Amino acid sequence: MGEAQGQLAGNAFRWQYRLSLPVDGRVWEVNFDDWMYLMDQDTLINRASMRKFGIEWGQVTLFFRRQ
């Protein structure tokens, strides 16, 4: 589709990109805005939101922990 844009500031990384999602035989182009926070050397928190037509359609928060 294209290129993602990212910015780094301290322990935070913001990644913005457009994604093609197949839905019921059609393809929707949606915008994602990911914020990733490195809490310590083993823990990353990722909060992502999805938008279409300027409206937020969903959010997800993920926690990653290295074992």
Protein backbone atom coordinates (compact mmCIF):
# COMPACT_ATOMS: atom_id res chain seq x y z
CA MET A 1 0.00 0.00 0.00
CA GLY A 2 2.66 2.50 0.99
CA GLU A 3 5.11 3.47 3.66
CA ALA A 4 4.61 3.73 7.39
CA GLN A 5 5.63 6.85 9.26
CA GLY A 6 7.31 6.54 12.65
CA GLN A 7 8.59 8.84 15.36
CA LEU A 8 10.69 7.96 18.40
CA ALA A 9 10.74 9.97 21.63
CA GLY A 10 12.31 8.52 24.77
CA ASN A 11 10.67 5.17 25.50
CA ALA A 12 7.74 5.81 23.10
CA PHE A 13 7.45 4.96 19.41
CA ARG A 14 4.52 6.10 17.25
CA TRP A 15 3.85 4.25 14.01
CA GLN A 16 1.17 5.45 11.57
CA TYR A 17 0.17 3.47 8.49
CA ARG A 18 -2.69 2.56 6.16
CA LEU A 19 -3.83 -1.05 5.89
CA SER A 20 -6.01 -2.83 3.31
CA LEU A 21 -8.57 -5.04 5.09
CA PRO A 22 -10.74 -7.54 3.19
CA VAL A 23 -14.35 -7.31 4.45
CA ASP A 24 -17.18 -9.33 2.84
CA GLY A 25 -15.55 -9.44 -0.60
CA ARG A 26 -14.53 -5.77 -0.52
CA VAL A 27 -11.30 -4.11 0.58
CA TRP A 28 -11.40 -1.29 3.12
CA GLU A 29 -8.47 1.08 3.48
CA VAL A 30 -8.15 1.94 7.18
CA ASN A 31 -5.68 4.12 9.06
CA PHE A 32 -3.80 2.76 12.06
CA ASP A 33 -2.13 4.78 14.78
CA ASP A 34 0.13 2.61 16.99
CA TRP A 35 1.81 3.84 20.16
CA MET A 36 4.42 1.53 21.66
CA TYR A 37 5.96 2.10 25.08
CA LEU A 38 9.02 0.22 26.30
CA MET A 39 8.41 0.02 30.05
CA ASP A 40 11.58 -1.92 30.90
CA GLN A 41 13.90 -4.29 29.03
CA ASP A 42 11.26 -7.05 29.12
CA THR A 43 7.92 -5.22 28.80
CA LEU A 44 6.32 -3.44 25.84
CA ILE A 45 2.83 -1.92 25.80
CA ASN A 46 1.19 -1.32 22.40
CA ARG A 47 -1.97 0.74 21.99
CA ALA A 48 -3.43 0.88 18.49
CA SER A 49 -6.47 2.65 17.11
CA MET A 50 -8.14 2.15 13.74
CA ARG A 51 -9.91 4.93 11.82
CA LYS A 52 -12.01 5.10 8.67
CA PHE A 53 -13.60 8.33 7.38
CA GLY A 54 -12.03 10.14 10.36
CA ILE A 55 -14.07 8.03 12.82
CA GLU A 56 -12.40 5.73 15.32
CA TRP A 57 -13.76 2.20 14.75
CA GLY A 58 -11.70 0.31 17.28
CA GLN A 59 -8.86 0.22 19.77
CA VAL A 60 -6.68 -2.51 21.15
CA THR A 61 -4.07 -2.53 23.91
CA LEU A 62 -1.49 -5.32 23.99
CA PHE A 63 1.13 -6.19 26.60
CA PHE A 64 4.27 -8.06 25.53
CA ARG A 65 6.57 -9.58 28.14
CA ARG A 66 9.81 -11.41 27.32
CA GLN A 67 10.24 -14.69 29.18
